[in-house]
Protein backbone atom coordinates (compact mmCIF):
# COMPACT_ATOMS: atom_id res chain seq x y z
CA MET A 1 -28.62 29.15 197.04
CA ARG A 2 -28.07 26.65 194.26
CA LEU A 3 -30.07 23.45 194.28
CA ALA A 4 -29.25 20.22 192.45
CA THR A 5 -31.51 17.73 190.76
CA VAL A 6 -30.63 14.07 191.24
CA GLU A 7 -29.16 13.95 187.75
CA GLN A 8 -27.02 17.04 188.40
CA ALA A 9 -25.80 15.65 191.73
CA GLN A 10 -24.74 12.46 189.94
CA GLN A 11 -22.95 14.52 187.28
CA ILE A 12 -21.12 16.49 189.99
CA ASP A 13 -20.03 13.23 191.59
CA GLU A 14 -18.85 11.83 188.26
CA MET A 15 -16.94 15.00 187.31
CA SER A 16 -15.27 15.07 190.71
CA ARG A 17 -14.00 11.55 190.11
CA THR A 18 -13.11 11.61 186.42
CA VAL A 19 -11.86 15.17 185.99
CA TYR A 20 -10.53 16.09 189.44
CA GLY A 21 -9.31 12.68 190.57
CA LEU A 22 -11.43 12.39 193.72
CA SER A 23 -12.17 8.71 194.12
CA ALA A 24 -15.59 7.52 195.23
CA ASP A 25 -13.94 6.06 198.34
CA ILE A 26 -12.46 9.44 199.30
CA LEU A 27 -15.79 11.22 198.79
CA MET A 28 -17.65 8.60 200.83
CA GLU A 29 -15.13 8.83 203.66
CA SER A 30 -15.39 12.62 203.66
CA ALA A 31 -19.19 12.51 203.65
CA GLY A 32 -19.40 10.01 206.48
CA ALA A 33 -16.78 11.73 208.62
CA LEU A 34 -18.40 15.17 208.30
CA ALA A 35 -21.87 13.75 208.88
CA ALA A 36 -20.66 12.00 212.05
CA ARG A 37 -19.18 15.27 213.29
CA GLU A 38 -22.45 17.13 212.60
CA ILE A 39 -24.40 14.46 214.48
CA ASP A 40 -21.95 14.61 217.39
CA LEU A 41 -22.39 18.39 217.60
CA SER A 42 -26.17 18.41 217.21
CA TYR A 43 -27.23 15.30 219.13
CA LEU A 44 -24.62 14.74 221.84
CA PRO A 45 -27.18 14.15 224.65
CA GLU A 46 -28.85 11.40 222.60
CA LEU A 47 -25.48 9.88 221.68
CA THR A 48 -24.36 9.74 225.31
CA LYS A 49 -27.55 7.92 226.33
CA GLY A 50 -26.41 5.00 224.21
CA GLY A 51 -28.42 2.64 222.10
CA VAL A 52 -27.76 4.43 218.81
CA ALA A 53 -29.16 2.67 215.73
CA VAL A 54 -27.62 3.10 212.28
CA VAL A 55 -29.79 1.50 209.59
CA CYS A 56 -27.97 0.76 206.33
CA GLY A 57 -29.29 -0.31 202.94
CA PRO A 58 -27.28 -2.20 200.29
CA GLY A 59 -26.09 0.70 198.15
CA ASN A 60 -23.72 3.63 198.49
CA ASN A 61 -26.06 5.36 200.92
CA GLY A 62 -25.64 2.33 203.17
CA GLY A 63 -21.90 2.73 202.70
CA ASP A 64 -22.18 6.34 203.92
CA GLY A 65 -24.04 5.06 206.96
CA LEU A 66 -21.31 2.54 207.73
CA VAL A 67 -18.68 5.32 207.60
CA VAL A 68 -20.82 7.41 209.96
CA ALA A 69 -21.09 4.46 212.34
CA CYS A 70 -17.33 3.88 212.28
CA HIS A 71 -16.55 7.51 213.07
CA LEU A 72 -19.10 7.70 215.87
CA HIS A 73 -17.64 4.49 217.28
CA SER A 74 -14.12 5.93 217.07
CA ALA A 75 -15.34 9.07 218.85
CA GLY A 76 -16.29 6.98 221.86
CA HIS A 77 -19.94 6.25 221.21
CA ARG A 78 -19.65 2.49 221.65
CA ASP A 79 -23.27 1.63 222.47
CA LEU A 80 -24.11 1.57 218.80
CA ASN A 81 -25.86 -1.01 216.65
CA VAL A 82 -25.68 -1.17 212.87
CA PHE A 83 -28.78 -2.73 211.32
CA LEU A 84 -28.14 -4.09 207.84
CA ILE A 85 -30.91 -4.57 205.31
CA ALA A 86 -28.58 -5.51 202.50
CA PRO A 87 -29.04 -8.82 200.69
CA LYS A 88 -25.61 -10.14 199.71
CA ASP A 89 -26.52 -10.36 196.03
CA ASN A 90 -27.51 -6.69 195.92
CA GLN A 91 -24.63 -4.89 197.63
CA SER A 92 -22.66 -2.14 195.89
CA PRO A 93 -18.84 -2.50 195.81
CA LEU A 94 -18.41 0.53 198.05
CA PHE A 95 -20.90 -0.87 200.55
CA ARG A 96 -18.96 -4.15 200.74
CA GLN A 97 -15.73 -2.23 201.23
CA GLN A 98 -17.14 -0.19 204.10
CA LEU A 99 -18.74 -3.29 205.63
CA LYS A 100 -15.32 -4.96 205.89
CA ARG A 101 -13.94 -1.88 207.64
CA ALA A 102 -16.85 -1.89 210.09
CA GLU A 103 -16.25 -5.56 210.85
CA LEU A 104 -12.55 -4.90 211.46
CA GLN A 105 -13.42 -2.08 213.86
CA GLY A 106 -15.60 -4.43 215.84
CA LEU A 107 -18.96 -2.71 215.32
CA ARG A 108 -22.08 -4.65 216.29
CA LEU A 109 -23.74 -5.63 213.01
CA ILE A 110 -27.31 -6.99 212.92
CA ASP A 111 -28.36 -8.51 209.61
CA LEU A 112 -32.11 -7.94 209.28
CA THR A 113 -32.28 -10.20 206.23
CA GLN A 114 -31.28 -13.10 208.51
CA ILE A 115 -33.00 -12.09 211.75
CA PRO A 116 -35.82 -9.71 210.74
CA GLU A 117 -37.42 -9.80 214.19
CA ARG A 118 -34.55 -7.68 215.54
CA VAL A 119 -35.98 -4.69 213.67
CA ASP A 120 -38.08 -3.79 216.72
CA GLN A 121 -34.90 -2.90 218.61
CA ILE A 122 -34.77 0.26 216.52
CA LYS A 123 -37.81 1.61 218.38
CA SER A 124 -35.90 1.74 221.68
CA ALA A 125 -32.82 3.52 220.26
CA SER A 126 -31.90 6.93 221.66
CA LEU A 127 -30.99 8.11 218.14
CA VAL A 128 -31.71 6.60 214.72
CA ILE A 129 -29.60 7.24 211.62
CA ASP A 130 -31.25 6.48 208.28
CA ALA A 131 -28.88 5.32 205.52
CA ILE A 132 -31.17 2.92 203.67
CA PHE A 133 -31.61 4.60 200.30
CA GLY A 134 -29.97 7.67 198.76
CA ILE A 135 -31.08 10.19 196.16
CA GLY A 136 -30.97 7.71 193.28
CA LEU A 137 -34.02 5.72 194.39
CA LYS A 138 -36.58 5.59 191.56
CA ARG A 139 -39.01 2.91 192.70
CA LYS A 140 -41.79 2.57 195.20
CA ILE A 141 -40.75 1.37 198.65
CA GLU A 142 -41.74 -2.26 199.13
CA GLU A 143 -40.98 -5.08 201.55
CA PRO A 144 -38.69 -5.82 203.29
CA PHE A 145 -37.67 -2.14 203.28
CA LEU A 146 -41.23 -0.93 203.92
CA LYS A 147 -41.35 -2.62 207.32
CA VAL A 148 -38.01 -1.11 208.33
CA ILE A 149 -39.01 2.43 207.33
CA GLU A 150 -42.32 2.11 209.16
CA THR A 151 -40.38 0.98 212.25
CA LEU A 152 -38.05 3.97 211.97
CA ASN A 153 -41.00 6.32 211.81
CA ALA A 154 -42.57 4.64 214.84
CA ALA A 155 -39.47 5.33 216.94
CA LYS A 156 -39.93 8.33 219.24
CA SER A 157 -36.24 9.22 219.18
CA PRO A 158 -34.73 11.78 216.77
CA LYS A 159 -34.06 10.46 213.28
CA ILE A 160 -31.23 11.68 211.07
CA ALA A 161 -31.31 11.00 207.34
CA ILE A 162 -28.05 10.70 205.44
CA ASP A 163 -28.17 12.53 202.08
CA THR A 164 -31.97 12.20 201.81
CA PRO A 165 -34.80 10.64 203.82
CA SER A 166 -35.14 7.11 202.46
CA GLY A 167 -38.16 6.86 200.19
CA LEU A 168 -38.39 10.56 199.35
CA ASN A 169 -38.05 11.43 195.67
CA ALA A 170 -35.23 13.96 195.87
CA ASN A 171 -36.30 15.55 192.57
CA THR A 172 -40.01 16.06 193.14
CA GLY A 173 -40.63 15.80 196.89
CA GLN A 174 -43.10 12.97 196.31
CA VAL A 175 -43.39 9.85 198.47
CA GLU A 176 -44.45 6.50 197.05
CA GLY A 177 -44.99 3.70 199.51
CA ALA A 178 -43.27 5.23 202.53
CA ALA A 179 -40.46 7.58 203.48
CA VAL A 180 -38.53 8.32 206.65
CA ARG A 181 -39.74 11.39 208.57
CA ALA A 182 -36.40 12.80 209.64
CA SER A 183 -35.68 15.27 212.42
CA MET A 184 -32.62 16.33 210.44
CA THR A 185 -31.33 15.59 206.97
CA ILE A 186 -27.61 15.83 206.27
CA THR A 187 -26.95 16.17 202.56
CA PHE A 188 -23.74 16.73 200.62
CA GLY A 189 -22.54 19.37 198.17
CA LEU A 190 -25.90 20.96 197.37
CA ALA A 191 -29.43 20.61 198.69
CA LYS A 192 -31.78 18.73 196.37
CA THR A 193 -34.84 20.23 194.70
CA GLY A 194 -37.33 17.80 196.23
CA PHE A 195 -36.42 18.87 199.77
CA PHE A 196 -38.46 22.07 199.40
CA VAL A 197 -41.70 21.12 197.63
CA CYS A 198 -44.72 18.88 198.16
CA GLU A 199 -44.00 16.36 200.93
CA GLY A 200 -40.28 17.14 201.06
CA PRO A 201 -40.22 19.63 203.95
CA ALA A 202 -42.33 17.33 206.15
CA HIS A 203 -39.77 14.52 205.73
CA VAL A 204 -36.49 16.46 205.64
CA GLY A 205 -36.79 18.28 208.98
CA LYS A 206 -33.81 20.53 209.68
CA LEU A 207 -31.49 20.60 206.70
CA ARG A 208 -27.70 20.61 206.88
CA THR A 209 -25.71 20.81 203.63
CA LEU A 210 -22.08 19.79 204.09
CA PRO A 211 -19.14 20.51 201.75
CA ILE A 212 -17.35 17.19 201.30
CA GLY A 213 -14.78 18.25 198.70
CA PHE A 214 -16.74 18.60 195.47
CA PRO A 215 -14.81 21.17 193.38
CA TYR A 216 -16.40 24.59 193.22
CA GLU A 217 -16.20 24.53 189.43
CA ALA A 218 -18.21 21.31 189.29
CA LEU A 219 -20.92 22.63 191.60
CA ARG A 220 -21.21 25.95 189.81
CA GLY A 221 -20.86 24.56 186.30
CA ILE A 222 -23.46 21.81 186.58
CA ALA A 223 -26.12 23.10 189.00
CA THR A 224 -27.34 26.01 186.88
CA SER A 225 -31.10 25.53 186.68
CA HIS A 226 -32.65 25.53 190.18
CA PHE A 227 -32.23 28.08 192.95
CA LEU A 228 -33.73 28.67 196.39
CA PHE A 229 -35.19 32.16 196.88
CA THR A 230 -34.59 33.17 200.49
CA GLU A 231 -34.96 36.11 202.85
CA LYS A 232 -31.48 37.29 201.90
CA LEU A 233 -32.48 37.62 198.25
CA ALA A 234 -35.79 39.27 199.08
CA ARG A 235 -33.91 41.90 201.09
CA ARG A 236 -31.46 42.45 198.24
CA TYR A 237 -34.17 43.04 195.65
CA LEU A 238 -36.62 45.11 197.69
CA PRO A 239 -36.74 48.64 196.15
CA THR A 240 -35.24 51.50 198.12
CA ARG A 241 -36.79 54.92 198.47
CA LYS A 242 -34.82 58.18 198.55
CA GLU A 243 -35.95 60.94 200.89
CA THR A 244 -36.06 63.33 197.92
CA SER A 245 -38.30 61.08 195.81
CA ASN A 246 -41.93 61.77 194.96
CA LYS A 247 -44.86 59.61 193.92
CA SER A 248 -43.95 59.79 190.25
CA ASP A 249 -40.62 58.11 191.00
CA HIS A 250 -42.33 54.94 192.21
CA GLY A 251 -44.39 54.03 189.20
CA HIS A 252 -48.02 53.86 188.17
CA LEU A 253 -49.77 50.49 188.37
CA LEU A 254 -52.98 49.83 186.47
CA VAL A 255 -55.13 47.18 188.18
CA VAL A 256 -57.75 45.72 185.84
CA ALA A 257 -59.97 43.71 188.16
CA GLY A 258 -63.40 43.24 189.71
CA ARG A 259 -67.01 43.31 188.62
CA PRO A 260 -70.35 43.52 190.45
CA GLY A 261 -70.26 40.95 193.23
CA TYR A 262 -66.47 40.65 192.96
CA TRP A 263 -65.26 44.15 193.78
CA GLY A 264 -63.30 42.78 196.75
CA ALA A 265 -60.74 41.23 194.40
CA GLY A 266 -59.90 44.62 192.92
CA MET A 267 -59.80 46.22 196.36
CA LEU A 268 -57.32 43.66 197.67
CA SER A 269 -55.04 43.91 194.63
CA SER A 270 -55.07 47.71 194.51
CA SER A 271 -54.44 48.32 198.20
CA SER A 272 -51.71 45.65 198.31
CA ALA A 273 -49.92 47.38 195.43
CA TYR A 274 -49.85 50.59 197.44
CA ARG A 275 -48.54 48.67 200.45
CA MET A 276 -45.65 47.43 198.28
CA GLY A 277 -44.68 50.99 197.43
CA ALA A 278 -46.30 51.87 194.09
CA GLY A 279 -46.58 55.65 193.65
CA TYR A 280 -49.94 55.58 191.87
CA VAL A 281 -52.54 52.86 191.55
CA THR A 282 -55.43 53.14 189.12
CA TRP A 283 -58.18 50.55 189.45
CA ALA A 284 -60.15 49.99 186.27
CA SER A 285 -63.00 47.66 185.40
CA PHE A 286 -65.83 47.41 182.90
CA GLU A 287 -68.06 49.24 185.37
CA ALA A 288 -67.09 51.85 187.95
CA PRO A 289 -66.66 50.14 191.36
CA LEU A 290 -68.45 52.94 193.19
CA GLU A 291 -69.58 51.04 196.28
CA ALA A 292 -66.00 49.84 196.93
CA LEU A 293 -64.28 53.21 196.88
CA ARG A 294 -65.04 54.10 200.49
CA GLU A 295 -62.59 51.39 201.61
CA ILE A 296 -59.59 52.63 199.59
CA PRO A 297 -59.95 56.37 198.89
CA GLU A 298 -56.32 56.70 197.75
CA VAL A 299 -56.91 54.51 194.68
CA LEU A 300 -57.65 56.22 191.38
CA THR A 301 -60.48 54.69 189.35
CA ALA A 302 -61.42 54.43 185.69
CA GLN A 303 -63.50 52.41 183.29
CA ILE A 304 -61.66 50.22 180.83
CA ASN A 305 -63.47 51.62 177.79
CA ASP A 306 -62.41 55.18 178.65
CA ASP A 307 -59.87 56.27 176.03
CA GLN A 308 -58.22 58.63 178.52
CA LEU A 309 -57.13 55.63 180.60
CA TRP A 310 -54.95 54.34 177.80
CA ASN A 311 -53.30 57.73 177.31
CA LYS A 312 -51.90 57.68 180.86
CA LYS A 313 -48.28 56.78 181.52
CA ILE A 314 -48.55 53.28 182.96
CA SER A 315 -45.50 51.53 184.45
CA ALA A 316 -47.06 48.08 184.94
CA VAL A 317 -50.41 46.30 184.84
CA ALA A 318 -52.10 43.67 187.03
CA ILE A 319 -55.09 42.01 185.40
CA GLY A 320 -57.54 39.28 186.25
CA PRO A 321 -58.88 39.08 189.82
CA GLY A 322 -62.68 38.99 189.69
CA LEU A 323 -62.73 40.42 186.18
CA GLY A 324 -64.62 37.75 184.24
CA THR A 325 -63.44 35.49 181.44
CA GLY A 326 -65.45 36.75 178.45
CA GLN A 327 -64.43 38.29 175.15
CA GLU A 328 -64.12 41.75 176.68
CA THR A 329 -61.38 40.48 179.01
CA ALA A 330 -59.63 38.89 176.03
CA ASP A 331 -59.84 42.20 174.17
CA VAL A 332 -58.14 44.02 177.05
CA ILE A 333 -55.32 41.47 177.11
CA GLU A 334 -54.81 41.93 173.36
CA LYS A 335 -54.68 45.69 173.91
CA LEU A 336 -52.12 45.27 176.69
CA LYS A 337 -49.91 43.25 174.34
CA LYS A 338 -49.51 46.40 172.26
CA LEU A 339 -48.14 48.42 175.21
CA ASP A 340 -44.51 47.99 174.32
CA GLY A 341 -42.25 47.21 177.29
CA VAL A 342 -44.96 47.40 179.97
CA PRO A 343 -44.78 44.34 182.27
CA VAL A 344 -48.06 42.68 183.19
CA VAL A 345 -49.02 40.22 185.92
CA VAL A 346 -51.81 37.93 184.67
CA ASP A 347 -53.94 36.19 187.29
CA ALA A 348 -57.24 34.43 187.93
CA ASP A 349 -59.91 35.20 185.30
CA ALA A 350 -57.32 36.66 182.93
CA ILE A 351 -55.50 33.29 182.91
CA THR A 352 -58.73 31.52 182.03
CA ALA A 353 -59.43 34.08 179.30
CA CYS A 354 -55.99 33.42 177.79
CA VAL A 355 -56.80 29.71 177.63
CA GLU A 356 -60.36 30.04 176.35
CA HIS A 357 -59.50 32.65 173.72
CA SER A 358 -56.11 31.19 172.63
CA LEU A 359 -54.06 34.25 173.58
CA PHE A 360 -50.72 32.49 174.10
CA PRO A 361 -47.90 33.23 173.71
CA LEU A 362 -47.71 36.34 175.87
CA PRO A 363 -44.87 38.91 175.91
CA SER A 364 -41.75 37.60 177.64
CA SER A 365 -41.75 40.40 180.25
CA TRP A 366 -45.15 39.30 181.60
CA VAL A 367 -45.73 36.90 184.48
CA LEU A 368 -48.56 34.41 184.77
CA THR A 369 -49.60 33.36 188.31
CA PRO A 370 -51.61 30.12 188.10
CA HIS A 371 -52.36 27.59 190.79
CA ALA A 372 -52.22 23.93 189.78
CA GLY A 373 -55.81 23.90 188.55
CA GLU A 374 -55.27 26.88 186.26
CA LEU A 375 -51.98 25.51 184.95
CA SER A 376 -53.70 22.20 184.25
CA ARG A 377 -56.00 23.96 181.80
CA ILE A 378 -53.00 25.48 180.03
CA LEU A 379 -51.02 22.23 179.80
CA LYS A 380 -54.09 20.01 179.34
CA ILE A 381 -53.02 17.62 182.08
CA SER A 382 -54.55 17.01 185.49
CA ALA A 383 -53.72 19.08 188.56
CA THR A 384 -52.68 15.82 190.21
CA ASP A 385 -50.06 15.25 187.51
CA ILE A 386 -48.80 18.78 188.02
CA GLU A 387 -48.36 18.21 191.75
CA ARG A 388 -46.44 15.00 191.05
CA ASN A 389 -43.69 17.06 189.44
CA ARG A 390 -44.13 20.78 190.00
CA PHE A 391 -40.74 21.60 188.50
CA LYS A 392 -41.48 19.90 185.20
CA ALA A 393 -44.95 21.47 185.06
CA VAL A 394 -43.82 25.04 185.68
CA MET A 395 -41.09 24.78 183.04
CA GLU A 396 -43.60 23.41 180.54
CA GLY A 397 -45.86 26.30 181.49
CA TYR A 398 -43.09 28.74 180.60
CA GLU A 399 -42.56 27.04 177.24
CA LYS A 400 -46.30 27.05 176.48
CA THR A 401 -47.10 30.62 177.51
CA GLY A 402 -43.92 32.39 176.42
CA CYS A 403 -43.68 34.35 179.67
CA HIS A 404 -42.58 33.96 183.28
CA VAL A 405 -44.74 31.58 185.29
CA LEU A 406 -45.27 31.71 189.04
CA LEU A 407 -46.86 28.38 190.00
CA LYS A 408 -48.56 28.96 193.34
CA GLY A 409 -48.69 26.24 195.95
CA PHE A 410 -46.34 24.46 198.33
CA ARG A 411 -43.82 25.67 197.50
CA SER A 412 -44.36 28.35 194.88
CA LEU A 413 -42.03 28.19 191.86
CA VAL A 414 -40.97 30.87 189.37
CA ALA A 415 -39.87 29.66 185.92
CA TYR A 416 -38.09 31.83 183.38
CA GLY A 417 -35.76 30.77 180.60
CA SER A 418 -33.97 27.64 181.74
CA ARG A 419 -34.14 28.60 185.42
CA CYS A 420 -36.52 27.85 188.24
CA LEU A 421 -36.70 29.64 191.60
CA VAL A 422 -38.12 27.87 194.65
CA VAL A 423 -39.77 30.38 197.00
CA ASN A 424 -38.81 29.17 200.46
CA ALA A 425 -41.85 30.43 202.37
CA GLY A 426 -45.56 29.83 202.82
CA ASN A 427 -47.98 27.32 204.31
CA ALA A 428 -51.55 26.08 204.03
CA ALA A 429 -52.92 29.22 205.71
CA LEU A 430 -52.81 30.81 202.25
CA ALA A 431 -55.39 28.32 200.94
CA LYS A 432 -58.23 30.83 201.10
CA ALA A 433 -60.09 33.09 198.69
CA GLY A 434 -58.51 36.49 198.17
CA THR A 435 -54.94 35.68 199.14
CA GLY A 436 -53.98 35.35 195.47
CA ASP A 437 -55.48 38.79 194.79
CA VAL A 438 -53.15 40.24 197.42
CA LEU A 439 -50.18 38.54 195.77
CA THR A 440 -51.17 39.92 192.37
CA GLY A 441 -51.18 43.44 193.75
CA MET A 442 -47.84 42.91 195.47
CA ILE A 443 -46.19 41.72 192.27
CA GLY A 444 -47.74 44.58 190.32
CA GLY A 445 -46.54 47.11 192.89
CA LEU A 446 -42.95 45.88 192.53
CA LEU A 447 -43.15 45.79 188.73
CA ALA A 448 -44.42 49.37 188.73
CA GLN A 449 -41.29 50.42 190.62
CA GLY A 450 -39.08 49.00 187.89
CA MET A 451 -38.11 45.64 189.35
CA ASP A 452 -37.30 42.92 186.82
CA THR A 453 -40.10 40.42 186.39
CA PRO A 454 -38.54 37.28 187.96
CA GLN A 455 -37.27 39.22 190.98
CA ALA A 456 -40.62 40.97 191.43
CA ALA A 457 -42.56 37.71 191.27
CA ALA A 458 -40.22 35.86 193.63
CA THR A 459 -39.84 38.73 196.12
CA ALA A 460 -43.59 39.27 196.36
CA ALA A 461 -44.24 35.53 196.65
CA TYR A 462 -41.62 35.25 199.38
CA LEU A 463 -43.10 38.10 201.43
CA HIS A 464 -46.59 36.71 200.84
CA GLY A 465 -45.47 33.34 202.17
CA ARG A 466 -43.64 34.79 205.16
CA LEU A 467 -46.77 36.67 206.16
CA ALA A 468 -48.52 33.30 206.46
CA ASP A 469 -45.54 31.79 208.27
CA GLU A 470 -45.53 34.60 210.83
CA TRP A 471 -49.27 34.16 211.34
CA ILE A 472 -48.60 30.58 212.47
CA ARG A 473 -45.52 31.47 214.53
CA ASN A 474 -47.56 34.02 216.45
CA GLY A 475 -49.94 31.31 217.56
CA GLN A 476 -52.87 31.84 215.20
CA ASP A 477 -54.55 28.88 213.58
CA LYS A 478 -53.94 28.19 209.88
CA SER A 479 -57.62 28.20 209.09
CA SER A 480 -58.19 31.71 210.48
CA LEU A 481 -55.97 33.79 208.16
CA THR A 482 -57.79 36.08 205.72
CA ALA A 483 -56.59 38.04 202.73
CA SER A 484 -57.23 41.28 204.64
CA ASP A 485 -54.89 40.04 207.39
CA LEU A 486 -52.12 39.71 204.82
CA LYS A 487 -52.65 43.25 203.61
CA ALA A 488 -52.65 44.60 207.18
CA LEU A 489 -49.47 42.76 208.23
CA LEU A 490 -47.51 43.57 205.06
CA PRO A 491 -46.06 46.91 206.28
CA GLN A 492 -44.48 45.25 209.32
CA ILE A 493 -42.81 42.54 207.27
CA VAL A 494 -41.50 44.99 204.68
CA SER A 495 -40.17 47.31 207.38
CA ARG A 496 -38.27 44.57 209.19
CA LEU A 497 -36.89 43.23 205.95
CA ARG A 498 -35.79 46.68 204.79
CA MET A 499 -34.09 47.43 208.11
CA GLY A 500 -31.95 44.32 207.75
CA GLY A 501 -33.26 42.32 210.68
CA SER A 502 -34.37 38.73 210.41
CA LEU A 503 -38.10 38.34 209.91
CA PHE A 504 -38.24 35.79 212.74
């Protein structure tokens, strides 16, 4: 699923007009008509109750809202009020055009710039349609718009956002000042990147993406950088297993992890790699993890300084969880760089070692898996700045490190080349020690089986996130999930995905 940035969406709109001859008026009419039809199909009971409120700002998004109102009115929904918050000196030409049409159709128009006290009527509406600001908004929400958005959010009725919830940064998912919390967002052409990260999902609600006539060539030719990684893609990339195969056909993963007091990290990574289908897993550290072996007897063990370890045929490596950040860890990473063509997933202490010992750039087939705090040390900016624009940060991480970067968080992102994948799964239940160690093992297990690095990182991150989503859907509290729960539930998720059924 292709996603568009705000700039790309504007380029698509411009190309549609200048190259393909689709006027802005035609596109607005198409958008409003299709949005009205979607609302009629999805919210008919609320529409028939009457008292529908359409709230329009002064720009083209307000124009879309006026078209929606006209079509709903024409469809027989006459108990409809259009609330205008559109100072006459700040109206777009298309807004003024649609306003004249609404006046000719006899719609009830309430100008909140003249009678601001009427804003409270919105609270009693059976359905509220938000068309105040579109995707081009670049400033903080202030008065008089702040009061209107707060009133919309106070309404108990369903709220439908046209193109984007007003106040949401459609690029980054950030909210400054205020933003509408929509029950449904109806957007056009392509979904926007900010709908899926940070505060975006909490404000977007259900998402409907409508084709309003943008040429296929414009959509495909311009939106080439951001993609949504979904269950369908995870199913496509999950490795298959022939009945005639043996363990050697499914790769050998070397897990370099753990130390006294932190053996659990290596246990979680190693066992999760087996759960993902790796044929062999060897767990190595600077000391033999003897007391941990009773829990995972199927895992082979070795010490890192054993020369025989490096003579084994290794398909992939996972390094970092609980390992330590000293010079000996840096030496192992330098040694791994010399293993030509062997993909490596670098996590936790290994990331810190790369920063502290100046080991970047890394081979392009590797994948780094930082959270915002770890990426902040790489980019030398604050974690807060990273969260303000996760897309920019993960792409800068790729440029800095020379390898794929999986930025963990809500939502996780995978950057490689000029592309960025948004992993459409996961929730705050994963905010607990050890869950990242499970993910490292999952990625390593897929890499060992020959999966390409971006697909392995995204598929593992998707399954990892869906495990947490299912935990919540089954009624468990977010705070109760443990890393061991993830490992235990993984076979069920993989089985259902492999069999072709929906996970939920």
